[in-house]
Amino acid sequence: MAHAIWSGSVNFGLVMIPVKLYTAVRDHSLHFNLLHAEDLGRIHNNRKCEACGKEVAWGDLVRGYEYEKGQYVTLTDEDLKKANVEATQSVDIVSFVDRSQIDPMLYDSSYYLAPEKKGRHAYALLREALTESGKVGIAKVVIRTRQHVASLEPHGDALVLELLHYADEIVGADALEIPHAEKPSAAEMRAARMLIDTMASDKFEPEEFKDTYTEDLMRLIEARAQHRQLPKGARRAPHPPSIVNLMDVLQKSLLATKKAPGVAKAHRRAAHHAPRKRAS
C-alpha cells in the first residue's frame, strides 16, 4: 500500500475535506555510489569542520544561513516552526481559474489527494464540480518546511495537487539570443508546415515513450554482475549536418519522414493541403 507523505484537509469556503497526500510520480533514475577503484571500497562524504578540521557527529550540526561572507545566523527546528505561524495541515483554496490560465512552466511536481473515509462524499462533490465547471482550484499549502502555491485538479476519479513554482522563480528568456521579428520566407513556411503535418499524430500517447537509455544501462549492469558478455550497444545516429540551406534541409526531412513507417496517412493529409502548381 502507498505511504502517505502528508495528512490534512482541503478547505474551500467552509467545507473541510480530510485527505492524505501521496506521491504521483516515480523516479526511475539510476543512482550510483562512489567507490575506490583499487578495492571497490565505498566512499562516504565526511562531515568535517572547516574551522577545526574535526569530523562532526549529526547531533552537533545546526542550520546556518550565510547573510554575509563568513557570517552566519543559526536556526533551530523551533525557529522554523515559528517563522510561519499560519502553517497548518491544510490545502486552502483561495480561488478558481481556468486551467489554460496557468503557464505550463509553473508546474513543478504532482501528488494525489485521497480522502479519509468521512470525507469521501465532499471529495466526490468537489471533483465533480471542478470537472463540470472546467475550473481548477488555486491553493496555498505547507509541506514539510515550505509554503507552496498549488493547483487542485480532477484527474479521472482522483484529485491531483500540482505544486507550482512561484512567478519569481521562473528565469526570463530576455538575456538569451532569441530571434524576435524574423520573417521566414513563404516557401520555408510551406515546407515547415508540410513537415509538421506529415509528423502529426491524432493524440499524444505517453505510454509509447520509454527511457531506453536507463533500460540499456540496466542490461549492461546485469550482464556485468553475472559476468556475461556485455550486450552490443545500438549504433549511434549520425549527427545532423550543419544547416547551410534551410530549404534543402526541410525538403530532405520531408523525404525521410515520408519513408518512415506509420506516416503515410499523415503524409496524404499534408499533401492534400499542399499548394498545387498552376498548369502553364
Foldseek 3Di string as FASTA:
>chain_A
DFDFQAWAWEDDDNDTFTKTKGFPDDDPDDDDFDADVVPRHTDDDFQADPPPRDTDDPVPDFDWDPPDVVDTDTDDPVRLCVVDVPADRYWYFDDKDAPVVDDPQFFDGKIWIGTDPVRVVVQQVVQVVCVVVNIWTWTWHDRDRDIFIWTWHHDPSIIMTTTTHDPVVDDDCVVPDDDDPDDDDPLLVLLVVLLCLLPDDPDDDVVVDDPVVSVLVVQQVVCVVVVHDRDDDDDDDDDDDDDDDSSVVSVVSSVVSCPDPPRVVSNVVSVVPHDDDDDD
